[in-house]
Amino acid sequence: MLHIVRHGRTATNAAARLQGRLDPPLDEVGFAQVAGLPRLVPRVDRLVCSPALRARQTAAVFGLEPEIDERWVEMDYGCYDGAVISEIPSEVWTGWITDEDFAPEGGETLRQVTSRVWAACEELAVAARRSEVVVVTHATPVKVAMAWALGGDPRMAWRSHVDQASVTKVLFRERGPALCAFNLVP
């Protein structure tokens, strides 16, 4: 099974800002949120983690040394990293939602995020068929991985919501991956 975990809350999350490549730590609420994750994932054979501090702090609750994998880092929102979500111009949201090749100044396209996350999912699929693999990452990679498991359009990521300190589970069968749980919270 592949367990994809979103990190706990940070002060940037609490302020309703895009984090992207910013690297804030978990706040007190975030540490409380992630404390319950081992109840949702009681066994971990392999732990993979985004290099971001908030992801590494979340991964620590599983008690293993994580493998750091850059492919699981959050989408680079470029000039909108740190921006208040409600203040992002509507044409920017329209660009993200409708065009996989849209990127704001200095940012990353959904196609780029999809390419790296789907490659990481394919690589982990072999191990996740026979063991419990946990990946600690961010909202956009979780949602893009969900699209991968469903065999869907990556733009469906923009039509889904994933909570902080949540778990998404992908089961592997002979015919491929199957989403068996999405957005579970402790």
N, C-alpha and C. Protein backbone atom coordinates (compact mmCIF):
# COMPACT_ATOMS: atom_id res chain seq x y z
N MET A 1 0.85 -1.18 0.00
CA MET A 1 0.00 0.00 0.00
C MET A 1 0.90 1.24 0.00
N LEU A 2 0.46 2.25 -0.73
CA LEU A 2 1.13 3.55 -0.73
C LEU A 2 0.27 4.51 0.06
N HIS A 3 0.84 5.07 1.12
CA HIS A 3 0.16 6.03 1.99
C HIS A 3 0.79 7.39 1.70
N ILE A 4 0.00 8.32 1.20
CA ILE A 4 0.51 9.64 0.86
C ILE A 4 -0.03 10.62 1.90
N VAL A 5 0.88 11.23 2.65
CA VAL A 5 0.53 12.04 3.81
C VAL A 5 0.83 13.51 3.51
N ARG A 6 -0.15 14.36 3.78
CA ARG A 6 0.12 15.81 3.72
C ARG A 6 0.62 16.25 5.08
N HIS A 7 1.57 17.16 5.08
CA HIS A 7 2.15 17.68 6.33
C HIS A 7 1.10 18.39 7.18
N GLY A 8 1.43 18.61 8.45
CA GLY A 8 0.57 19.35 9.36
C GLY A 8 0.62 20.85 9.10
N ARG A 9 -0.20 21.57 9.85
CA ARG A 9 -0.36 23.01 9.65
C ARG A 9 0.88 23.80 10.02
N THR A 10 1.08 24.88 9.28
CA THR A 10 2.12 25.86 9.58
C THR A 10 1.42 27.21 9.79
N ALA A 11 2.15 28.20 10.28
CA ALA A 11 1.58 29.54 10.43
C ALA A 11 1.17 30.11 9.07
N THR A 12 1.88 29.72 8.01
CA THR A 12 1.53 30.16 6.66
C THR A 12 0.19 29.58 6.25
N ASN A 13 -0.05 28.29 6.55
CA ASN A 13 -1.37 27.69 6.29
C ASN A 13 -2.44 28.45 7.07
N ALA A 14 -2.17 28.71 8.34
CA ALA A 14 -3.15 29.37 9.20
C ALA A 14 -3.50 30.76 8.69
N ALA A 15 -2.57 31.41 8.00
CA ALA A 15 -2.80 32.74 7.44
C ALA A 15 -3.41 32.68 6.05
N ALA A 16 -3.77 31.48 5.58
CA ALA A 16 -4.40 31.28 4.26
C ALA A 16 -3.51 31.82 3.14
N ARG A 17 -2.24 31.45 3.21
CA ARG A 17 -1.28 31.84 2.18
C ARG A 17 -0.77 30.61 1.44
N LEU A 18 -0.44 30.79 0.16
CA LEU A 18 0.23 29.72 -0.59
C LEU A 18 1.63 29.57 -0.04
N GLN A 19 2.05 28.34 0.23
CA GLN A 19 3.40 28.14 0.75
C GLN A 19 4.40 27.86 -0.36
N GLY A 20 4.02 27.00 -1.29
CA GLY A 20 4.94 26.67 -2.36
C GLY A 20 6.30 26.26 -1.82
N ARG A 21 7.32 26.98 -2.22
CA ARG A 21 8.69 26.65 -1.84
C ARG A 21 9.16 27.36 -0.59
N LEU A 22 8.26 28.10 0.08
CA LEU A 22 8.63 28.65 1.39
C LEU A 22 8.87 27.48 2.33
N ASP A 23 9.63 27.68 3.39
CA ASP A 23 9.98 26.55 4.24
C ASP A 23 9.70 26.80 5.72
N PRO A 24 8.45 27.10 6.08
CA PRO A 24 8.13 27.32 7.49
C PRO A 24 8.01 26.00 8.25
N PRO A 25 8.20 26.05 9.55
CA PRO A 25 8.01 24.84 10.38
C PRO A 25 6.53 24.64 10.70
N LEU A 26 6.22 23.47 11.22
CA LEU A 26 4.88 23.24 11.75
C LEU A 26 4.64 24.18 12.92
N ASP A 27 3.39 24.59 13.11
CA ASP A 27 3.06 25.35 14.31
C ASP A 27 2.52 24.37 15.36
N GLU A 28 2.08 24.89 16.50
CA GLU A 28 1.60 24.01 17.58
C GLU A 28 0.43 23.15 17.12
N VAL A 29 -0.47 23.72 16.35
CA VAL A 29 -1.61 22.96 15.84
C VAL A 29 -1.10 21.85 14.91
N GLY A 30 -0.13 22.18 14.07
CA GLY A 30 0.43 21.19 13.15
C GLY A 30 1.03 20.00 13.88
N PHE A 31 1.78 20.26 14.94
CA PHE A 31 2.36 19.15 15.71
C PHE A 31 1.26 18.30 16.34
N ALA A 32 0.19 18.94 16.82
CA ALA A 32 -0.93 18.17 17.40
C ALA A 32 -1.63 17.35 16.31
N GLN A 33 -1.79 17.92 15.12
CA GLN A 33 -2.45 17.19 14.02
C GLN A 33 -1.68 15.93 13.65
N VAL A 34 -0.37 16.04 13.51
CA VAL A 34 0.41 14.90 13.01
C VAL A 34 0.60 13.81 14.06
N ALA A 35 0.39 14.14 15.32
CA ALA A 35 0.56 13.14 16.38
C ALA A 35 -0.33 11.92 16.18
N GLY A 36 -1.49 12.11 15.55
CA GLY A 36 -2.42 11.01 15.34
C GLY A 36 -2.20 10.21 14.07
N LEU A 37 -1.27 10.62 13.24
CA LEU A 37 -1.06 9.91 11.96
C LEU A 37 -0.68 8.44 12.12
N PRO A 38 0.14 8.06 13.09
CA PRO A 38 0.46 6.63 13.22
C PRO A 38 -0.77 5.73 13.46
N ARG A 39 -1.86 6.29 13.95
CA ARG A 39 -3.09 5.49 14.10
C ARG A 39 -3.67 5.14 12.73
N LEU A 40 -3.49 6.02 11.75
CA LEU A 40 -3.99 5.76 10.40
C LEU A 40 -3.03 4.90 9.59
N VAL A 41 -1.76 4.97 9.96
CA VAL A 41 -0.72 4.19 9.27
C VAL A 41 0.13 3.52 10.35
N PRO A 42 -0.35 2.39 10.90
CA PRO A 42 0.34 1.78 12.04
C PRO A 42 1.65 1.07 11.68
N ARG A 43 1.83 0.72 10.42
CA ARG A 43 3.06 0.04 10.01
C ARG A 43 3.69 0.79 8.85
N VAL A 44 4.99 1.04 8.96
CA VAL A 44 5.72 1.74 7.90
C VAL A 44 6.98 0.93 7.61
N ASP A 45 7.08 0.45 6.38
CA ASP A 45 8.27 -0.29 5.96
C ASP A 45 9.29 0.62 5.29
N ARG A 46 8.80 1.64 4.63
CA ARG A 46 9.66 2.59 3.92
C ARG A 46 9.04 3.97 4.03
N LEU A 47 9.87 4.96 4.35
CA LEU A 47 9.41 6.33 4.54
C LEU A 47 10.14 7.25 3.58
N VAL A 48 9.37 7.93 2.74
CA VAL A 48 9.91 8.87 1.75
C VAL A 48 9.34 10.25 2.10
N CYS A 49 10.13 11.29 1.86
CA CYS A 49 9.71 12.60 2.33
C CYS A 49 10.21 13.72 1.42
N SER A 50 9.39 14.73 1.28
CA SER A 50 9.81 15.99 0.65
C SER A 50 10.92 16.58 1.51
N PRO A 51 11.82 17.35 0.91
CA PRO A 51 12.89 17.96 1.71
C PRO A 51 12.44 19.13 2.59
N ALA A 52 11.22 19.61 2.42
CA ALA A 52 10.75 20.77 3.20
C ALA A 52 10.68 20.44 4.69
N LEU A 53 11.00 21.42 5.51
CA LEU A 53 11.01 21.24 6.97
C LEU A 53 9.67 20.74 7.48
N ARG A 54 8.57 21.32 7.02
CA ARG A 54 7.24 20.92 7.50
C ARG A 54 6.96 19.44 7.20
N ALA A 55 7.45 18.97 6.07
CA ALA A 55 7.27 17.55 5.73
C ALA A 55 8.17 16.67 6.60
N ARG A 56 9.41 17.08 6.80
CA ARG A 56 10.33 16.29 7.63
C ARG A 56 9.84 16.23 9.07
N GLN A 57 9.29 17.34 9.59
CA GLN A 57 8.75 17.33 10.95
C GLN A 57 7.55 16.39 11.05
N THR A 58 6.74 16.35 10.01
CA THR A 58 5.60 15.43 9.99
C THR A 58 6.09 13.99 9.93
N ALA A 59 7.06 13.72 9.08
CA ALA A 59 7.60 12.36 8.92
C ALA A 59 8.17 11.82 10.23
N ALA A 60 8.65 12.69 11.09
CA ALA A 60 9.28 12.26 12.34
C ALA A 60 8.34 11.43 13.22
N VAL A 61 7.01 11.62 13.07
CA VAL A 61 6.07 10.86 13.91
C VAL A 61 6.08 9.37 13.61
N PHE A 62 6.64 8.98 12.46
CA PHE A 62 6.66 7.57 12.09
C PHE A 62 7.89 6.84 12.62
N GLY A 63 8.84 7.57 13.21
CA GLY A 63 9.95 6.94 13.91
C GLY A 63 11.02 6.31 13.04
N LEU A 64 11.03 6.59 11.75
CA LEU A 64 12.06 6.09 10.84
C LEU A 64 12.79 7.26 10.21
N GLU A 65 13.99 7.02 9.78
CA GLU A 65 14.73 8.03 9.03
C GLU A 65 14.17 8.06 7.61
N PRO A 66 13.67 9.21 7.14
CA PRO A 66 13.08 9.24 5.81
C PRO A 66 14.12 9.34 4.70
N GLU A 67 13.75 8.80 3.54
CA GLU A 67 14.51 9.04 2.31
C GLU A 67 13.99 10.36 1.76
N ILE A 68 14.86 11.31 1.52
CA ILE A 68 14.44 12.60 0.98
C ILE A 68 14.36 12.48 -0.55
N ASP A 69 13.22 12.89 -1.10
CA ASP A 69 13.01 12.83 -2.55
C ASP A 69 12.44 14.17 -3.01
N GLU A 70 13.23 14.91 -3.75
CA GLU A 70 12.87 16.25 -4.25
C GLU A 70 11.59 16.24 -5.09
N ARG A 71 11.25 15.11 -5.67
CA ARG A 71 10.06 15.06 -6.53
C ARG A 71 8.77 15.29 -5.76
N TRP A 72 8.83 15.16 -4.44
CA TRP A 72 7.63 15.32 -3.62
C TRP A 72 7.50 16.72 -3.03
N VAL A 73 8.35 17.66 -3.44
CA VAL A 73 8.26 19.04 -2.94
C VAL A 73 6.99 19.69 -3.49
N GLU A 74 6.50 20.71 -2.80
CA GLU A 74 5.28 21.41 -3.23
C GLU A 74 5.50 22.13 -4.55
N MET A 75 4.41 22.38 -5.25
CA MET A 75 4.44 23.17 -6.49
C MET A 75 5.10 24.51 -6.20
N ASP A 76 5.90 24.96 -7.14
CA ASP A 76 6.52 26.28 -7.04
C ASP A 76 5.54 27.29 -7.61
N TYR A 77 4.97 28.12 -6.74
CA TYR A 77 4.00 29.13 -7.17
C TYR A 77 4.68 30.41 -7.63
N GLY A 78 6.01 30.38 -7.70
CA GLY A 78 6.76 31.52 -8.21
C GLY A 78 6.47 32.79 -7.43
N CYS A 79 6.10 33.84 -8.14
CA CYS A 79 5.86 35.14 -7.50
C CYS A 79 4.68 35.11 -6.53
N TYR A 80 3.91 34.02 -6.51
CA TYR A 80 2.78 33.91 -5.58
C TYR A 80 3.10 33.08 -4.33
N ASP A 81 4.32 32.57 -4.19
CA ASP A 81 4.70 31.93 -2.93
C ASP A 81 4.54 32.96 -1.81
N GLY A 82 3.77 32.60 -0.80
CA GLY A 82 3.55 33.49 0.33
C GLY A 82 2.35 34.42 0.16
N ALA A 83 1.72 34.43 -1.01
CA ALA A 83 0.58 35.32 -1.25
C ALA A 83 -0.66 34.81 -0.53
N VAL A 84 -1.49 35.75 -0.11
CA VAL A 84 -2.78 35.41 0.48
C VAL A 84 -3.64 34.82 -0.64
N ILE A 85 -4.18 33.65 -0.41
CA ILE A 85 -4.91 32.91 -1.45
C ILE A 85 -6.05 33.74 -2.03
N SER A 86 -6.80 34.42 -1.18
CA SER A 86 -7.95 35.19 -1.67
C SER A 86 -7.54 36.41 -2.49
N GLU A 87 -6.28 36.80 -2.46
CA GLU A 87 -5.82 37.97 -3.21
C GLU A 87 -5.14 37.62 -4.53
N ILE A 88 -5.09 36.35 -4.86
CA ILE A 88 -4.50 35.94 -6.14
C ILE A 88 -5.50 36.28 -7.24
N PRO A 89 -5.05 36.97 -8.29
CA PRO A 89 -5.97 37.39 -9.35
C PRO A 89 -6.70 36.20 -9.99
N SER A 90 -7.95 36.43 -10.35
CA SER A 90 -8.77 35.36 -10.92
C SER A 90 -8.17 34.80 -12.20
N GLU A 91 -7.49 35.63 -12.99
CA GLU A 91 -6.90 35.12 -14.23
C GLU A 91 -5.75 34.15 -13.94
N VAL A 92 -5.11 34.27 -12.80
CA VAL A 92 -4.07 33.32 -12.41
C VAL A 92 -4.73 31.97 -12.09
N TRP A 93 -5.81 32.00 -11.29
CA TRP A 93 -6.52 30.76 -10.98
C TRP A 93 -7.04 30.11 -12.25
N THR A 94 -7.59 30.92 -13.15
CA THR A 94 -8.08 30.39 -14.43
C THR A 94 -6.95 29.72 -15.20
N GLY A 95 -5.80 30.34 -15.22
CA GLY A 95 -4.64 29.75 -15.90
C GLY A 95 -4.28 28.40 -15.31
N TRP A 96 -4.18 28.33 -13.99
CA TRP A 96 -3.83 27.06 -13.34
C TRP A 96 -4.87 25.98 -13.63
N ILE A 97 -6.14 26.33 -13.53
CA ILE A 97 -7.22 25.36 -13.64
C ILE A 97 -7.40 24.84 -15.06
N THR A 98 -7.18 25.68 -16.05
CA THR A 98 -7.50 25.30 -17.43
C THR A 98 -6.30 24.89 -18.27
N ASP A 99 -5.09 25.24 -17.85
CA ASP A 99 -3.92 25.04 -18.71
C ASP A 99 -2.79 24.38 -17.93
N GLU A 100 -2.50 23.13 -18.26
CA GLU A 100 -1.42 22.41 -17.58
C GLU A 100 -0.06 23.07 -17.78
N ASP A 101 0.07 23.92 -18.78
CA ASP A 101 1.35 24.56 -19.08
C ASP A 101 1.44 25.99 -18.55
N PHE A 102 0.44 26.42 -17.80
CA PHE A 102 0.47 27.76 -17.21
C PHE A 102 1.40 27.77 -16.00
N ALA A 103 2.21 28.82 -15.91
CA ALA A 103 3.03 29.04 -14.71
C ALA A 103 3.13 30.55 -14.49
N PRO A 104 2.96 30.99 -13.25
CA PRO A 104 3.19 32.40 -12.98
C PRO A 104 4.69 32.68 -13.03
N GLU A 105 5.05 33.93 -13.05
CA GLU A 105 6.46 34.32 -13.12
C GLU A 105 7.28 33.58 -12.06
N GLY A 106 8.31 32.87 -12.52
CA GLY A 106 9.20 32.15 -11.62
C GLY A 106 8.63 30.85 -11.09
N GLY A 107 7.46 30.46 -11.55
CA GLY A 107 6.79 29.28 -10.99
C GLY A 107 6.90 28.05 -11.87
N GLU A 108 6.14 27.06 -11.49
CA GLU A 108 6.17 25.74 -12.11
C GLU A 108 4.79 25.45 -12.70
N THR A 109 4.76 24.71 -13.79
CA THR A 109 3.48 24.32 -14.39
C THR A 109 2.94 23.06 -13.72
N LEU A 110 1.64 22.85 -13.87
CA LEU A 110 1.05 21.61 -13.37
C LEU A 110 1.64 20.42 -14.11
N ARG A 111 1.96 20.59 -15.39
CA ARG A 111 2.57 19.51 -16.17
C ARG A 111 3.92 19.11 -15.55
N GLN A 112 4.70 20.08 -15.11
CA GLN A 112 5.99 19.77 -14.47
C GLN A 112 5.79 19.02 -13.16
N VAL A 113 4.84 19.48 -12.34
CA VAL A 113 4.55 18.79 -11.07
C VAL A 113 4.08 17.37 -11.36
N THR A 114 3.18 17.23 -12.33
CA THR A 114 2.64 15.93 -12.69
C THR A 114 3.76 14.99 -13.13
N SER A 115 4.65 15.47 -13.95
CA SER A 115 5.74 14.64 -14.47
C SER A 115 6.59 14.08 -13.33
N ARG A 116 6.96 14.92 -12.38
CA ARG A 116 7.84 14.44 -11.31
C ARG A 116 7.09 13.55 -10.31
N VAL A 117 5.85 13.91 -9.99
CA VAL A 117 5.09 13.12 -9.00
C VAL A 117 4.67 11.78 -9.60
N TRP A 118 4.21 11.77 -10.84
CA TRP A 118 3.81 10.50 -11.44
C TRP A 118 5.01 9.57 -11.60
N ALA A 119 6.18 10.12 -11.93
CA ALA A 119 7.39 9.28 -12.02
C ALA A 119 7.72 8.69 -10.65
N ALA A 120 7.58 9.49 -9.59
CA ALA A 120 7.85 8.99 -8.24
C ALA A 120 6.83 7.91 -7.86
N CYS A 121 5.57 8.10 -8.21
CA CYS A 121 4.54 7.09 -7.94
C CYS A 121 4.85 5.78 -8.65
N GLU A 122 5.20 5.86 -9.92
CA GLU A 122 5.53 4.65 -10.69
C GLU A 122 6.71 3.91 -10.05
N GLU A 123 7.70 4.68 -9.60
CA GLU A 123 8.88 4.08 -8.98
C GLU A 123 8.53 3.38 -7.67
N LEU A 124 7.62 3.96 -6.89
CA LEU A 124 7.25 3.38 -5.60
C LEU A 124 6.24 2.25 -5.72
N ALA A 125 5.58 2.14 -6.87
CA ALA A 125 4.53 1.14 -7.04
C ALA A 125 5.02 -0.28 -6.78
N VAL A 126 6.21 -0.60 -7.22
CA VAL A 126 6.74 -1.96 -7.04
C VAL A 126 6.86 -2.28 -5.56
N ALA A 127 7.46 -1.39 -4.79
CA ALA A 127 7.62 -1.62 -3.35
C ALA A 127 6.27 -1.62 -2.63
N ALA A 128 5.35 -0.75 -3.07
CA ALA A 128 4.06 -0.63 -2.39
C ALA A 128 3.14 -1.81 -2.66
N ARG A 129 3.48 -2.65 -3.60
CA ARG A 129 2.68 -3.86 -3.84
C ARG A 129 2.89 -4.88 -2.71
N ARG A 130 4.06 -4.83 -2.09
CA ARG A 130 4.38 -5.86 -1.10
C ARG A 130 4.73 -5.31 0.28
N SER A 131 4.71 -3.97 0.43
CA SER A 131 5.04 -3.39 1.73
C SER A 131 4.28 -2.08 1.93
N GLU A 132 4.41 -1.54 3.12
CA GLU A 132 3.74 -0.29 3.48
C GLU A 132 4.71 0.87 3.26
N VAL A 133 4.45 1.64 2.20
CA VAL A 133 5.29 2.77 1.83
C VAL A 133 4.55 4.06 2.18
N VAL A 134 5.21 4.93 2.92
CA VAL A 134 4.63 6.21 3.31
C VAL A 134 5.43 7.33 2.65
N VAL A 135 4.72 8.26 2.03
CA VAL A 135 5.33 9.46 1.46
C VAL A 135 4.74 10.65 2.20
N VAL A 136 5.58 11.53 2.71
CA VAL A 136 5.12 12.75 3.36
C VAL A 136 5.42 13.91 2.42
N THR A 137 4.36 14.64 2.06
CA THR A 137 4.48 15.64 1.02
C THR A 137 3.53 16.81 1.28
N HIS A 138 3.02 17.40 0.21
CA HIS A 138 2.26 18.65 0.26
C HIS A 138 0.95 18.49 -0.50
N ALA A 139 0.10 19.50 -0.44
CA ALA A 139 -1.24 19.41 -1.02
C ALA A 139 -1.23 19.08 -2.51
N THR A 140 -0.50 19.84 -3.31
CA THR A 140 -0.56 19.61 -4.75
C THR A 140 -0.02 18.23 -5.14
N PRO A 141 1.13 17.80 -4.63
CA PRO A 141 1.56 16.43 -4.96
C PRO A 141 0.58 15.35 -4.51
N VAL A 142 -0.08 15.52 -3.38
CA VAL A 142 -1.08 14.54 -2.94
C VAL A 142 -2.19 14.45 -3.99
N LYS A 143 -2.69 15.60 -4.42
CA LYS A 143 -3.81 15.62 -5.36
C LYS A 143 -3.40 15.12 -6.74
N VAL A 144 -2.19 15.41 -7.16
CA VAL A 144 -1.69 14.92 -8.45
C VAL A 144 -1.50 13.39 -8.37
N ALA A 145 -1.04 12.89 -7.24
CA ALA A 145 -0.90 11.44 -7.05
C ALA A 145 -2.27 10.76 -7.06
N MET A 146 -3.28 11.43 -6.50
CA MET A 146 -4.64 10.92 -6.55
C MET A 146 -5.09 10.79 -8.01
N ALA A 147 -4.82 11.81 -8.82
CA ALA A 147 -5.18 11.76 -10.24
C ALA A 147 -4.46 10.59 -10.93
N TRP A 148 -3.19 10.37 -10.57
CA TRP A 148 -2.43 9.24 -11.12
C TRP A 148 -3.12 7.91 -10.78
N ALA A 149 -3.48 7.75 -9.51
CA ALA A 149 -4.11 6.50 -9.07
C ALA A 149 -5.43 6.24 -9.80
N LEU A 150 -6.15 7.31 -10.10
CA LEU A 150 -7.43 7.19 -10.78
C LEU A 150 -7.30 7.13 -12.31
N GLY A 151 -6.08 7.35 -12.81
CA GLY A 151 -5.89 7.37 -14.25
C GLY A 151 -6.57 8.57 -14.89
N GLY A 152 -6.65 9.66 -14.14
CA GLY A 152 -7.39 10.83 -14.59
C GLY A 152 -6.52 11.99 -15.05
N ASP A 153 -7.19 13.03 -15.46
CA ASP A 153 -6.56 14.26 -15.89
C ASP A 153 -5.93 14.94 -14.67
N PRO A 154 -4.66 15.34 -14.75
CA PRO A 154 -4.02 15.98 -13.60
C PRO A 154 -4.73 17.25 -13.14
N ARG A 155 -5.48 17.89 -14.04
CA ARG A 155 -6.19 19.11 -13.65
C ARG A 155 -7.28 18.84 -12.61
N MET A 156 -7.63 17.55 -12.40
CA MET A 156 -8.60 17.25 -11.34
C MET A 156 -8.04 17.63 -9.97
N ALA A 157 -6.73 17.81 -9.90
CA ALA A 157 -6.12 18.27 -8.64
C ALA A 157 -6.73 19.59 -8.18
N TRP A 158 -7.08 20.44 -9.12
CA TRP A 158 -7.65 21.75 -8.77
C TRP A 158 -9.09 21.62 -8.30
N ARG A 159 -9.72 20.46 -8.49
CA ARG A 159 -11.11 20.25 -8.09
C ARG A 159 -11.22 19.36 -6.86
N SER A 160 -10.13 19.24 -6.15
CA SER A 160 -10.13 18.43 -4.93
C SER A 160 -9.51 19.23 -3.80
N HIS A 161 -9.80 18.80 -2.60
CA HIS A 161 -9.25 19.45 -1.40
C HIS A 161 -8.61 18.38 -0.53
N VAL A 162 -7.46 18.71 0.00
CA VAL A 162 -6.79 17.77 0.90
C VAL A 162 -6.43 18.52 2.19
N ASP A 163 -6.85 17.95 3.31
CA ASP A 163 -6.62 18.57 4.61
C ASP A 163 -5.17 18.40 5.07
N GLN A 164 -4.77 19.26 5.98
CA GLN A 164 -3.46 19.11 6.61
C GLN A 164 -3.48 17.83 7.44
N ALA A 165 -2.32 17.19 7.51
CA ALA A 165 -2.15 15.95 8.28
C ALA A 165 -3.18 14.90 7.88
N SER A 166 -3.38 14.78 6.57
CA SER A 166 -4.31 13.77 6.06
C SER A 166 -3.55 12.66 5.35
N VAL A 167 -4.24 11.54 5.16
CA VAL A 167 -3.64 10.37 4.50
C VAL A 167 -4.51 9.98 3.31
N THR A 168 -3.86 9.75 2.19
CA THR A 168 -4.49 9.20 0.99
C THR A 168 -3.84 7.85 0.74
N LYS A 169 -4.66 6.82 0.45
CA LYS A 169 -4.12 5.46 0.32
C LYS A 169 -4.37 4.92 -1.08
N VAL A 170 -3.32 4.34 -1.64
CA VAL A 170 -3.40 3.73 -2.96
C VAL A 170 -3.02 2.26 -2.83
N LEU A 171 -3.94 1.41 -3.22
CA LEU A 171 -3.75 -0.03 -3.22
C LEU A 171 -3.28 -0.45 -4.61
N PHE A 172 -2.41 -1.45 -4.68
CA PHE A 172 -1.91 -1.93 -5.97
C PHE A 172 -2.41 -3.33 -6.21
N ARG A 173 -3.07 -3.48 -7.35
CA ARG A 173 -3.56 -4.79 -7.79
C ARG A 173 -2.85 -5.13 -9.10
N GLU A 174 -3.07 -6.32 -9.60
CA GLU A 174 -2.43 -6.73 -10.86
C GLU A 174 -2.75 -5.78 -11.99
N ARG A 175 -3.94 -5.21 -11.99
CA ARG A 175 -4.35 -4.33 -13.09
C ARG A 175 -3.97 -2.87 -12.86
N GLY A 176 -3.28 -2.61 -11.77
CA GLY A 176 -2.78 -1.26 -11.54
C GLY A 176 -3.23 -0.66 -10.22
N PRO A 177 -2.95 0.64 -10.03
CA PRO A 177 -3.28 1.30 -8.77
C PRO A 177 -4.78 1.55 -8.64
N ALA A 178 -5.23 1.62 -7.39
CA ALA A 178 -6.62 1.93 -7.09
C ALA A 178 -6.66 2.82 -5.86
N LEU A 179 -7.30 3.96 -5.98
CA LEU A 179 -7.47 4.84 -4.84
C LEU A 179 -8.44 4.18 -3.87
N CYS A 180 -7.99 3.91 -2.65
CA CYS A 180 -8.89 3.24 -1.70
C CYS A 180 -9.26 4.13 -0.51
N ALA A 181 -8.58 5.28 -0.36
CA ALA A 181 -8.95 6.24 0.68
C ALA A 181 -8.36 7.60 0.30
N PHE A 182 -9.11 8.65 0.56
CA PHE A 182 -8.64 9.99 0.23
C PHE A 182 -8.97 10.93 1.37
N ASN A 183 -7.98 11.68 1.80
CA ASN A 183 -8.17 12.75 2.77
C ASN A 183 -8.64 12.26 4.14
N LEU A 184 -8.09 11.14 4.61
CA LEU A 184 -8.39 10.66 5.95
C LEU A 184 -7.62 11.51 6.97
N VAL A 185 -8.28 11.91 8.03
CA VAL A 185 -7.61 12.66 9.08
C VAL A 185 -7.74 11.91 10.40
N PRO A 186 -6.70 12.01 11.23
CA PRO A 186 -6.77 11.29 12.52
C PRO A 186 -7.83 11.87 13.45
